[in-house]
């Protein structure tokens, strides 16, 4: 079993995150936690994402708390492309392949690994986006352009959000625009 870890700190607000990527008998699992402070107060979220060997999302769970709220979210993607959020079908994200956790840089790994682009290639992705702090599942049109060996140009929301995404050789984020940076330390 292969496993790799990543540590990040938020650049736009107080916060840190860690995750572990592990191969799991014909698939992959990403498990992590995020702790940060925003308008509602402090948040602590754990997550687990399971993917098949081709990096297609199978399921995701997010648990924890924030402000006065307890979070317990379970997401499943059926082979037919149907997505369920806490057991309820979400037709708006039908056909999506990737989950995108709005609060985490970990899920950029999924389309990056799945698409396996050559430098110069661009690809559109329609992700099932778990919004924060509503924890609703919505479609999000995204674009990944590989501009260097370990560098991508990420766009979403029709180009209204653009960020460089630097990754390591496994596809784990090293830096995500001015939002996330690899490492625990506050020094730049």
N, C-alpha and C. Protein backbone atom coordinates (compact mmCIF):
# COMPACT_ATOMS: atom_id res chain seq x y z
N UNK A 1 0.84 -1.18 0.00
CA UNK A 1 0.00 0.00 0.00
C UNK A 1 0.89 1.24 0.00
N UNK A 2 0.67 2.12 -0.98
CA UNK A 2 1.36 3.40 -1.03
C UNK A 2 0.58 4.42 -0.21
N UNK A 3 1.30 5.34 0.45
CA UNK A 3 0.61 6.45 1.08
C UNK A 3 1.52 7.67 1.09
N UNK A 4 0.90 8.83 0.99
CA UNK A 4 1.60 10.11 0.96
C UNK A 4 0.82 11.09 1.80
N UNK A 5 1.51 12.03 2.42
CA UNK A 5 0.83 13.02 3.23
C UNK A 5 1.13 14.42 2.72
N UNK A 6 0.24 15.33 3.06
CA UNK A 6 0.41 16.74 2.72
C UNK A 6 -0.03 17.58 3.90
N UNK A 7 0.62 18.71 4.07
CA UNK A 7 0.26 19.69 5.09
C UNK A 7 0.14 21.04 4.41
N UNK A 8 -0.93 21.78 4.74
CA UNK A 8 -1.12 23.10 4.15
C UNK A 8 -1.49 24.10 5.22
N UNK A 9 -1.25 25.36 4.91
CA UNK A 9 -1.77 26.44 5.75
C UNK A 9 -2.53 27.41 4.87
N UNK A 10 -3.58 28.00 5.44
CA UNK A 10 -4.37 28.99 4.72
C UNK A 10 -3.59 30.29 4.67
N UNK A 11 -3.70 30.99 3.55
CA UNK A 11 -3.07 32.29 3.40
C UNK A 11 -4.07 33.42 3.54
N UNK A 12 -5.36 33.13 3.33
CA UNK A 12 -6.39 34.17 3.33
C UNK A 12 -7.14 34.28 4.65
N UNK A 13 -6.91 33.35 5.58
CA UNK A 13 -7.53 33.37 6.90
C UNK A 13 -6.75 32.40 7.78
N UNK A 14 -6.92 32.46 9.11
CA UNK A 14 -6.23 31.48 9.96
C UNK A 14 -6.75 30.07 9.67
N UNK A 15 -5.84 29.14 9.38
CA UNK A 15 -6.27 27.77 9.15
C UNK A 15 -5.15 26.86 8.69
N UNK A 16 -5.34 25.59 8.95
CA UNK A 16 -4.38 24.56 8.55
C UNK A 16 -5.15 23.33 8.11
N UNK A 17 -4.46 22.50 7.32
CA UNK A 17 -5.08 21.25 6.85
C UNK A 17 -3.99 20.21 6.63
N UNK A 18 -4.36 18.97 6.80
CA UNK A 18 -3.48 17.84 6.51
C UNK A 18 -4.31 16.74 5.86
N UNK A 19 -3.67 16.00 4.95
CA UNK A 19 -4.37 14.86 4.37
C UNK A 19 -3.39 13.74 4.09
N UNK A 20 -3.94 12.55 3.94
CA UNK A 20 -3.16 11.37 3.58
C UNK A 20 -3.81 10.76 2.34
N UNK A 21 -3.02 10.55 1.32
CA UNK A 21 -3.45 9.87 0.09
C UNK A 21 -2.92 8.45 0.16
N UNK A 22 -3.79 7.46 0.01
CA UNK A 22 -3.38 6.06 0.11
C UNK A 22 -4.02 5.23 -0.99
N UNK A 23 -3.23 4.30 -1.54
CA UNK A 23 -3.79 3.33 -2.49
C UNK A 23 -4.53 2.28 -1.66
N UNK A 24 -5.70 1.90 -2.15
CA UNK A 24 -6.54 0.98 -1.40
C UNK A 24 -7.11 -0.09 -2.34
N UNK A 25 -6.42 -1.18 -2.55
CA UNK A 25 -6.93 -2.31 -3.31
C UNK A 25 -7.74 -1.96 -4.54
N UNK A 26 -7.11 -1.42 -5.57
CA UNK A 26 -7.82 -1.09 -6.80
C UNK A 26 -8.41 0.31 -6.80
N UNK A 27 -8.03 1.13 -5.85
CA UNK A 27 -8.55 2.49 -5.80
C UNK A 27 -7.70 3.36 -4.91
N UNK A 28 -8.25 4.49 -4.56
CA UNK A 28 -7.52 5.49 -3.78
C UNK A 28 -8.43 6.05 -2.69
N UNK A 29 -7.80 6.47 -1.58
CA UNK A 29 -8.52 7.14 -0.51
C UNK A 29 -7.74 8.38 -0.10
N UNK A 30 -8.47 9.47 0.05
CA UNK A 30 -7.91 10.70 0.61
C UNK A 30 -8.64 10.93 1.93
N UNK A 31 -7.88 11.04 3.01
CA UNK A 31 -8.47 11.31 4.32
C UNK A 31 -7.74 12.49 4.91
N UNK A 32 -8.48 13.42 5.49
CA UNK A 32 -7.82 14.59 6.04
C UNK A 32 -8.67 15.34 7.04
N UNK A 33 -8.07 16.42 7.55
CA UNK A 33 -8.79 17.30 8.44
C UNK A 33 -8.40 18.74 8.13
N UNK A 34 -9.33 19.64 8.37
CA UNK A 34 -9.10 21.06 8.19
C UNK A 34 -9.58 21.78 9.45
N UNK A 35 -8.79 22.71 9.94
CA UNK A 35 -9.16 23.54 11.08
C UNK A 35 -8.92 24.99 10.67
N UNK A 36 -9.95 25.82 10.76
CA UNK A 36 -9.82 27.21 10.34
C UNK A 36 -10.87 28.06 11.05
N UNK A 37 -10.70 29.38 10.91
CA UNK A 37 -11.63 30.32 11.52
C UNK A 37 -12.19 31.20 10.41
N UNK A 38 -13.51 31.35 10.40
CA UNK A 38 -14.16 32.27 9.46
C UNK A 38 -15.34 32.93 10.16
N UNK A 39 -16.23 33.58 9.43
CA UNK A 39 -17.29 34.41 10.01
C UNK A 39 -18.09 33.73 11.13
N UNK A 40 -18.45 32.46 10.95
CA UNK A 40 -19.25 31.76 11.97
C UNK A 40 -18.43 31.35 13.18
N UNK A 41 -17.11 31.51 13.11
CA UNK A 41 -16.24 31.11 14.21
C UNK A 41 -15.30 30.00 13.79
N UNK A 42 -14.81 29.22 14.77
CA UNK A 42 -13.87 28.15 14.44
C UNK A 42 -14.58 26.94 13.81
N UNK A 43 -13.85 26.28 12.90
CA UNK A 43 -14.34 25.08 12.23
C UNK A 43 -13.31 23.97 12.38
N UNK A 44 -13.77 22.74 12.51
CA UNK A 44 -12.92 21.56 12.46
C UNK A 44 -13.68 20.51 11.66
N UNK A 45 -13.14 20.17 10.50
CA UNK A 45 -13.80 19.22 9.60
C UNK A 45 -12.85 18.08 9.26
N UNK A 46 -13.36 16.87 9.27
CA UNK A 46 -12.61 15.72 8.76
C UNK A 46 -13.30 15.26 7.49
N UNK A 47 -12.55 14.65 6.60
CA UNK A 47 -13.14 14.15 5.36
C UNK A 47 -12.44 12.89 4.91
N UNK A 48 -13.19 12.07 4.18
CA UNK A 48 -12.66 10.87 3.54
C UNK A 48 -13.30 10.79 2.16
N UNK A 49 -12.47 10.61 1.15
CA UNK A 49 -12.93 10.47 -0.24
C UNK A 49 -12.40 9.16 -0.78
N UNK A 50 -13.26 8.37 -1.37
CA UNK A 50 -12.85 7.12 -2.02
C UNK A 50 -13.01 7.26 -3.52
N UNK A 51 -12.00 6.77 -4.25
CA UNK A 51 -12.00 6.82 -5.71
C UNK A 51 -11.64 5.45 -6.26
N UNK A 52 -12.05 5.20 -7.49
CA UNK A 52 -11.63 3.96 -8.13
C UNK A 52 -10.21 4.14 -8.68
N UNK A 53 -9.68 3.13 -9.34
CA UNK A 53 -8.30 3.21 -9.83
C UNK A 53 -8.10 4.26 -10.91
N UNK A 54 -9.17 4.71 -11.56
CA UNK A 54 -9.09 5.76 -12.59
C UNK A 54 -9.36 7.15 -12.01
N UNK A 55 -9.37 7.26 -10.68
CA UNK A 55 -9.55 8.53 -9.97
C UNK A 55 -10.95 9.11 -10.08
N UNK A 56 -11.94 8.26 -10.35
CA UNK A 56 -13.34 8.71 -10.36
C UNK A 56 -13.88 8.59 -8.93
N UNK A 57 -14.53 9.64 -8.46
CA UNK A 57 -15.07 9.65 -7.10
C UNK A 57 -16.14 8.58 -6.94
N UNK A 58 -16.05 7.83 -5.85
CA UNK A 58 -17.06 6.86 -5.48
C UNK A 58 -17.91 7.36 -4.32
N UNK A 59 -17.24 7.96 -3.32
CA UNK A 59 -17.95 8.46 -2.15
C UNK A 59 -17.11 9.50 -1.42
N UNK A 60 -17.78 10.25 -0.57
CA UNK A 60 -17.09 11.23 0.29
C UNK A 60 -17.90 11.41 1.56
N UNK A 61 -17.20 11.64 2.64
CA UNK A 61 -17.83 11.97 3.92
C UNK A 61 -17.13 13.18 4.51
N UNK A 62 -17.90 14.08 5.07
CA UNK A 62 -17.37 15.25 5.77
C UNK A 62 -18.08 15.31 7.11
N UNK A 63 -17.28 15.39 8.17
CA UNK A 63 -17.85 15.46 9.52
C UNK A 63 -17.10 16.49 10.33
N UNK A 64 -17.76 17.02 11.33
CA UNK A 64 -17.10 17.96 12.23
C UNK A 64 -18.07 18.97 12.77
N UNK A 65 -17.58 20.17 13.00
CA UNK A 65 -18.39 21.23 13.56
C UNK A 65 -17.85 22.58 13.12
N UNK A 66 -18.73 23.56 13.20
CA UNK A 66 -18.37 24.93 12.90
C UNK A 66 -19.38 25.86 13.52
N UNK A 67 -18.88 26.88 14.23
CA UNK A 67 -19.81 27.75 14.93
C UNK A 67 -20.65 26.91 15.87
N UNK A 68 -21.94 26.95 15.70
CA UNK A 68 -22.87 26.17 16.52
C UNK A 68 -23.40 24.94 15.78
N UNK A 69 -22.84 24.62 14.63
CA UNK A 69 -23.37 23.55 13.78
C UNK A 69 -22.54 22.27 13.86
N UNK A 70 -23.23 21.14 13.83
CA UNK A 70 -22.60 19.84 13.69
C UNK A 70 -22.75 19.44 12.23
N UNK A 71 -21.66 18.98 11.62
CA UNK A 71 -21.66 18.62 10.20
C UNK A 71 -21.51 17.11 10.07
N UNK A 72 -22.40 16.48 9.33
CA UNK A 72 -22.33 15.05 9.03
C UNK A 72 -22.88 14.86 7.63
N UNK A 73 -22.00 14.89 6.64
CA UNK A 73 -22.38 14.84 5.23
C UNK A 73 -21.85 13.55 4.62
N UNK A 74 -22.72 12.85 3.92
CA UNK A 74 -22.32 11.62 3.21
C UNK A 74 -22.75 11.74 1.75
N UNK A 75 -21.79 11.52 0.89
CA UNK A 75 -22.01 11.66 -0.55
C UNK A 75 -21.64 10.35 -1.23
N UNK A 76 -22.45 9.94 -2.19
CA UNK A 76 -22.16 8.73 -2.96
C UNK A 76 -22.43 9.00 -4.43
N UNK A 77 -21.56 8.47 -5.29
CA UNK A 77 -21.76 8.55 -6.74
C UNK A 77 -21.94 7.12 -7.25
N UNK A 78 -23.08 6.89 -7.86
CA UNK A 78 -23.36 5.57 -8.41
C UNK A 78 -22.66 5.42 -9.77
N UNK A 79 -22.37 4.20 -10.21
CA UNK A 79 -21.75 4.00 -11.52
C UNK A 79 -22.53 4.63 -12.67
N UNK A 80 -23.83 4.78 -12.50
CA UNK A 80 -24.67 5.38 -13.55
C UNK A 80 -24.50 6.90 -13.63
N UNK A 81 -23.78 7.50 -12.65
CA UNK A 81 -23.59 8.95 -12.65
C UNK A 81 -24.51 9.70 -11.72
N UNK A 82 -25.38 8.97 -11.02
CA UNK A 82 -26.29 9.58 -10.04
C UNK A 82 -25.51 9.88 -8.76
N UNK A 83 -25.70 11.08 -8.21
CA UNK A 83 -25.08 11.47 -6.95
C UNK A 83 -26.15 11.57 -5.87
N UNK A 84 -25.77 11.17 -4.67
CA UNK A 84 -26.66 11.29 -3.52
C UNK A 84 -25.95 12.07 -2.42
N UNK A 85 -26.70 12.97 -1.80
CA UNK A 85 -26.22 13.73 -0.65
C UNK A 85 -27.09 13.33 0.53
N UNK A 86 -26.49 12.67 1.51
CA UNK A 86 -27.23 12.15 2.67
C UNK A 86 -28.44 11.33 2.23
N UNK A 87 -28.24 10.51 1.21
CA UNK A 87 -29.26 9.60 0.72
C UNK A 87 -30.20 10.16 -0.32
N UNK A 88 -30.22 11.48 -0.50
CA UNK A 88 -31.13 12.11 -1.45
C UNK A 88 -30.45 12.36 -2.79
N UNK A 89 -31.11 11.98 -3.88
CA UNK A 89 -30.57 12.18 -5.22
C UNK A 89 -30.41 13.67 -5.50
N UNK A 90 -29.29 14.05 -6.10
CA UNK A 90 -29.01 15.44 -6.49
C UNK A 90 -28.87 15.50 -8.00
N UNK A 91 -29.99 15.68 -8.72
CA UNK A 91 -29.96 15.67 -10.19
C UNK A 91 -29.05 16.73 -10.80
N UNK A 92 -28.84 17.85 -10.13
CA UNK A 92 -28.02 18.93 -10.70
C UNK A 92 -26.59 18.50 -10.96
N UNK A 93 -26.08 17.50 -10.24
CA UNK A 93 -24.69 17.06 -10.43
C UNK A 93 -24.58 15.71 -11.14
N UNK A 94 -25.70 15.24 -11.68
CA UNK A 94 -25.68 13.96 -12.40
C UNK A 94 -24.64 14.01 -13.51
N UNK A 95 -23.86 12.95 -13.62
CA UNK A 95 -22.84 12.85 -14.66
C UNK A 95 -21.49 13.41 -14.25
N UNK A 96 -21.40 14.14 -13.15
CA UNK A 96 -20.10 14.62 -12.68
C UNK A 96 -19.25 13.42 -12.27
N UNK A 97 -17.95 13.57 -12.38
CA UNK A 97 -17.02 12.49 -12.03
C UNK A 97 -16.28 12.80 -10.74
N UNK A 98 -15.96 14.08 -10.53
CA UNK A 98 -15.13 14.49 -9.40
C UNK A 98 -15.94 15.20 -8.32
N UNK A 99 -15.56 14.96 -7.07
CA UNK A 99 -16.06 15.77 -5.96
C UNK A 99 -15.07 16.92 -5.77
N UNK A 100 -15.57 18.07 -5.39
CA UNK A 100 -14.72 19.22 -5.07
C UNK A 100 -15.19 19.74 -3.72
N UNK A 101 -14.34 19.62 -2.71
CA UNK A 101 -14.65 20.15 -1.39
C UNK A 101 -14.23 21.61 -1.37
N UNK A 102 -15.18 22.50 -1.29
CA UNK A 102 -14.96 23.94 -1.36
C UNK A 102 -13.94 24.44 -0.33
N UNK A 103 -13.80 23.78 0.80
CA UNK A 103 -12.93 24.24 1.88
C UNK A 103 -11.52 23.66 1.82
N UNK A 104 -11.22 22.82 0.82
CA UNK A 104 -9.97 22.05 0.83
C UNK A 104 -9.24 22.07 -0.51
N UNK A 105 -7.89 22.11 -0.51
CA UNK A 105 -7.15 21.98 -1.76
C UNK A 105 -6.94 20.51 -2.17
N UNK A 106 -7.30 19.57 -1.32
CA UNK A 106 -7.01 18.16 -1.59
C UNK A 106 -7.69 17.63 -2.84
N UNK A 107 -8.88 18.13 -3.15
CA UNK A 107 -9.65 17.55 -4.25
C UNK A 107 -9.19 18.01 -5.63
N UNK A 108 -8.27 18.98 -5.72
CA UNK A 108 -7.69 19.30 -7.02
C UNK A 108 -6.91 18.12 -7.58
N UNK A 109 -6.43 17.27 -6.69
CA UNK A 109 -5.70 16.06 -7.07
C UNK A 109 -6.52 15.18 -8.02
N UNK A 110 -7.82 15.09 -7.80
CA UNK A 110 -8.65 14.13 -8.53
C UNK A 110 -8.66 14.37 -10.03
N UNK A 111 -9.07 15.56 -10.53
CA UNK A 111 -9.02 15.76 -11.98
C UNK A 111 -7.59 15.80 -12.52
N UNK A 112 -6.65 16.30 -11.73
CA UNK A 112 -5.26 16.34 -12.19
C UNK A 112 -4.76 14.93 -12.46
N UNK A 113 -5.01 14.00 -11.56
CA UNK A 113 -4.57 12.62 -11.77
C UNK A 113 -5.39 11.92 -12.85
N UNK A 114 -6.70 12.15 -12.83
CA UNK A 114 -7.58 11.47 -13.78
C UNK A 114 -7.31 11.90 -15.22
N UNK A 115 -7.10 13.20 -15.43
CA UNK A 115 -6.90 13.72 -16.78
C UNK A 115 -5.51 13.42 -17.31
N UNK A 116 -4.50 13.37 -16.45
CA UNK A 116 -3.13 13.06 -16.83
C UNK A 116 -2.71 13.83 -18.09
N UNK A 117 -2.85 15.15 -18.04
CA UNK A 117 -2.60 16.00 -19.20
C UNK A 117 -1.11 16.16 -19.50
N UNK A 118 -0.81 16.37 -20.78
CA UNK A 118 0.53 16.77 -21.19
C UNK A 118 0.64 18.28 -21.03
N UNK A 119 1.86 18.78 -20.89
CA UNK A 119 2.07 20.23 -20.79
C UNK A 119 1.48 20.89 -22.03
N UNK A 120 0.69 21.93 -21.81
CA UNK A 120 0.03 22.65 -22.90
C UNK A 120 -1.42 22.25 -23.11
N UNK A 121 -1.83 21.10 -22.57
CA UNK A 121 -3.21 20.65 -22.73
C UNK A 121 -4.15 21.32 -21.73
N UNK A 122 -5.38 21.52 -22.17
CA UNK A 122 -6.43 22.10 -21.34
C UNK A 122 -7.64 21.18 -21.38
N UNK A 123 -8.35 21.10 -20.26
CA UNK A 123 -9.54 20.25 -20.21
C UNK A 123 -10.58 20.86 -19.28
N UNK A 124 -11.82 20.74 -19.69
CA UNK A 124 -12.93 21.18 -18.86
C UNK A 124 -13.42 20.05 -17.99
N UNK A 125 -13.86 20.40 -16.79
CA UNK A 125 -14.37 19.44 -15.82
C UNK A 125 -15.63 20.03 -15.22
N UNK A 126 -16.64 19.22 -15.06
CA UNK A 126 -17.85 19.63 -14.33
C UNK A 126 -17.87 18.82 -13.04
N UNK A 127 -17.53 19.49 -11.93
CA UNK A 127 -17.39 18.81 -10.65
C UNK A 127 -18.66 18.94 -9.80
N UNK A 128 -18.85 17.96 -8.93
CA UNK A 128 -19.88 18.04 -7.89
C UNK A 128 -19.23 18.79 -6.74
N UNK A 129 -19.64 20.03 -6.56
CA UNK A 129 -18.99 20.96 -5.65
C UNK A 129 -19.75 21.01 -4.33
N UNK A 130 -19.10 20.60 -3.24
CA UNK A 130 -19.70 20.69 -1.92
C UNK A 130 -19.37 22.08 -1.37
N UNK A 131 -20.36 22.97 -1.45
CA UNK A 131 -20.18 24.37 -1.07
C UNK A 131 -19.96 24.51 0.44
N UNK A 132 -19.20 25.49 0.78
CA UNK A 132 -18.99 25.83 2.17
C UNK A 132 -19.49 27.25 2.38
N UNK A 133 -20.23 27.55 3.42
CA UNK A 133 -20.60 26.71 4.55
C UNK A 133 -21.99 26.07 4.45
N UNK A 134 -22.63 26.13 3.27
CA UNK A 134 -23.99 25.56 3.14
C UNK A 134 -23.99 24.04 3.10
N UNK A 135 -22.89 23.43 2.65
CA UNK A 135 -22.78 21.98 2.47
C UNK A 135 -23.84 21.44 1.53
N UNK A 136 -24.18 22.25 0.53
CA UNK A 136 -25.04 21.82 -0.57
C UNK A 136 -24.16 21.32 -1.70
N UNK A 137 -24.66 20.42 -2.51
CA UNK A 137 -23.92 19.86 -3.63
C UNK A 137 -24.42 20.50 -4.92
N UNK A 138 -23.53 21.19 -5.62
CA UNK A 138 -23.88 21.92 -6.84
C UNK A 138 -22.87 21.61 -7.94
N UNK A 139 -23.26 21.79 -9.19
CA UNK A 139 -22.28 21.63 -10.27
C UNK A 139 -21.37 22.86 -10.34
N UNK A 140 -20.10 22.62 -10.66
CA UNK A 140 -19.16 23.71 -10.86
C UNK A 140 -18.32 23.40 -12.09
N UNK A 141 -18.47 24.27 -13.11
CA UNK A 141 -17.66 24.13 -14.32
C UNK A 141 -16.24 24.62 -14.02
N UNK A 142 -15.26 23.80 -14.36
CA UNK A 142 -13.87 24.11 -14.09
C UNK A 142 -13.03 23.84 -15.32
N UNK A 143 -11.85 24.44 -15.35
CA UNK A 143 -10.89 24.18 -16.42
C UNK A 143 -9.51 24.05 -15.81
N UNK A 144 -8.78 23.03 -16.25
CA UNK A 144 -7.39 22.82 -15.85
C UNK A 144 -6.53 22.88 -17.10
N UNK A 145 -5.55 23.77 -17.11
CA UNK A 145 -4.58 23.85 -18.19
C UNK A 145 -3.21 23.57 -17.59
N UNK A 146 -2.54 22.56 -18.11
CA UNK A 146 -1.21 22.24 -17.60
C UNK A 146 -0.20 23.15 -18.30
N UNK A 147 0.35 24.09 -17.53
CA UNK A 147 1.27 25.07 -18.11
C UNK A 147 2.72 24.73 -17.86
N UNK A 148 2.99 23.76 -17.02
CA UNK A 148 4.34 23.30 -16.73
C UNK A 148 4.27 21.91 -16.14
N UNK A 149 5.43 21.30 -15.90
CA UNK A 149 5.46 19.94 -15.37
C UNK A 149 4.63 19.81 -14.11
N UNK A 150 4.75 20.78 -13.20
CA UNK A 150 4.02 20.74 -11.93
C UNK A 150 3.16 21.98 -11.71
N UNK A 151 2.71 22.61 -12.79
CA UNK A 151 1.94 23.84 -12.67
C UNK A 151 0.72 23.81 -13.59
N UNK A 152 -0.43 24.19 -13.01
CA UNK A 152 -1.70 24.24 -13.73
C UNK A 152 -2.31 25.62 -13.59
N UNK A 153 -3.09 26.00 -14.58
CA UNK A 153 -3.94 27.19 -14.47
C UNK A 153 -5.35 26.66 -14.25
N UNK A 154 -5.92 27.02 -13.11
CA UNK A 154 -7.26 26.58 -12.74
C UNK A 154 -8.22 27.73 -12.95
N UNK A 155 -9.37 27.44 -13.57
CA UNK A 155 -10.43 28.44 -13.75
C UNK A 155 -11.76 27.80 -13.36
N UNK A 156 -12.63 28.63 -12.77
CA UNK A 156 -13.99 28.18 -12.48
C UNK A 156 -14.94 29.36 -12.58
N UNK A 157 -16.21 29.05 -12.51
CA UNK A 157 -17.26 30.07 -12.56
C UNK A 157 -17.12 30.95 -13.80
N UNK A 158 -16.94 30.30 -14.94
CA UNK A 158 -16.86 31.02 -16.22
C UNK A 158 -15.65 31.93 -16.33
N UNK A 159 -14.58 31.60 -15.62
CA UNK A 159 -13.36 32.41 -15.67
C UNK A 159 -13.32 33.53 -14.65
N UNK A 160 -14.36 33.64 -13.80
CA UNK A 160 -14.34 34.70 -12.80
C UNK A 160 -13.39 34.37 -11.65
N UNK A 161 -13.02 33.10 -11.49
CA UNK A 161 -11.99 32.72 -10.53
C UNK A 161 -10.88 32.02 -11.29
N UNK A 162 -9.66 32.52 -11.16
CA UNK A 162 -8.49 31.95 -11.81
C UNK A 162 -7.37 31.88 -10.78
N UNK A 163 -6.66 30.76 -10.74
CA UNK A 163 -5.54 30.62 -9.80
C UNK A 163 -4.51 29.66 -10.36
N UNK A 164 -3.23 29.96 -10.14
CA UNK A 164 -2.20 28.97 -10.45
C UNK A 164 -2.22 27.89 -9.37
N UNK A 165 -2.07 26.65 -9.78
CA UNK A 165 -2.04 25.53 -8.84
C UNK A 165 -0.73 24.78 -9.09
N UNK A 166 0.16 24.87 -8.12
CA UNK A 166 1.42 24.14 -8.19
C UNK A 166 1.26 22.84 -7.43
N UNK A 167 1.71 21.72 -8.02
CA UNK A 167 1.54 20.41 -7.40
C UNK A 167 2.88 19.70 -7.30
N UNK A 168 2.93 18.65 -6.46
CA UNK A 168 4.12 17.81 -6.41
C UNK A 168 4.01 16.73 -7.48
N UNK A 169 4.95 15.82 -7.52
CA UNK A 169 4.95 14.78 -8.56
C UNK A 169 3.77 13.81 -8.47
N UNK A 170 3.09 13.76 -7.33
CA UNK A 170 1.91 12.90 -7.17
C UNK A 170 0.62 13.63 -7.51
N UNK A 171 0.69 14.95 -7.67
CA UNK A 171 -0.50 15.74 -7.97
C UNK A 171 -1.10 16.44 -6.76
N UNK A 172 -0.47 16.28 -5.58
CA UNK A 172 -0.93 16.98 -4.38
C UNK A 172 -0.52 18.44 -4.45
N UNK A 173 -1.41 19.32 -4.06
CA UNK A 173 -1.18 20.76 -4.15
C UNK A 173 -0.01 21.18 -3.26
N UNK A 174 0.86 22.01 -3.83
CA UNK A 174 1.92 22.68 -3.06
C UNK A 174 1.51 24.12 -2.76
N UNK A 175 0.89 24.74 -3.76
CA UNK A 175 0.37 26.10 -3.59
C UNK A 175 -0.85 26.26 -4.48
N UNK A 176 -1.87 26.88 -3.90
CA UNK A 176 -3.11 27.14 -4.62
C UNK A 176 -3.35 28.64 -4.54
N UNK A 177 -2.93 29.34 -5.57
CA UNK A 177 -3.09 30.79 -5.62
C UNK A 177 -2.64 31.44 -4.33
N UNK A 178 -3.45 32.35 -3.83
CA UNK A 178 -3.16 33.04 -2.57
C UNK A 178 -4.06 32.52 -1.45
N UNK A 179 -4.45 31.23 -1.58
CA UNK A 179 -5.36 30.65 -0.58
C UNK A 179 -4.66 29.59 0.27
N UNK A 180 -3.90 28.69 -0.37
CA UNK A 180 -3.24 27.59 0.33
C UNK A 180 -1.77 27.51 -0.04
N UNK A 181 -0.96 27.12 0.93
CA UNK A 181 0.47 26.91 0.70
C UNK A 181 0.92 25.68 1.49
N UNK A 182 1.78 24.87 0.86
CA UNK A 182 2.31 23.69 1.52
C UNK A 182 3.10 24.10 2.76
N UNK A 183 2.95 23.33 3.82
CA UNK A 183 3.72 23.55 5.05
C UNK A 183 2.86 24.04 6.19
N UNK A 184 3.37 23.90 7.35
CA UNK A 184 2.67 24.27 8.58
C UNK A 184 3.08 25.64 9.07
N UNK A 185 4.30 26.02 8.76
CA UNK A 185 4.87 27.25 9.32
C UNK A 185 4.26 28.49 8.70
N UNK A 186 4.19 29.55 9.51
CA UNK A 186 3.64 30.83 9.03
C UNK A 186 4.67 31.64 8.23
N UNK A 187 5.93 31.28 8.28
CA UNK A 187 6.95 32.01 7.51
C UNK A 187 6.75 31.76 6.04
N UNK A 188 6.94 32.77 5.21
CA UNK A 188 6.73 32.63 3.75
C UNK A 188 7.83 31.89 3.07
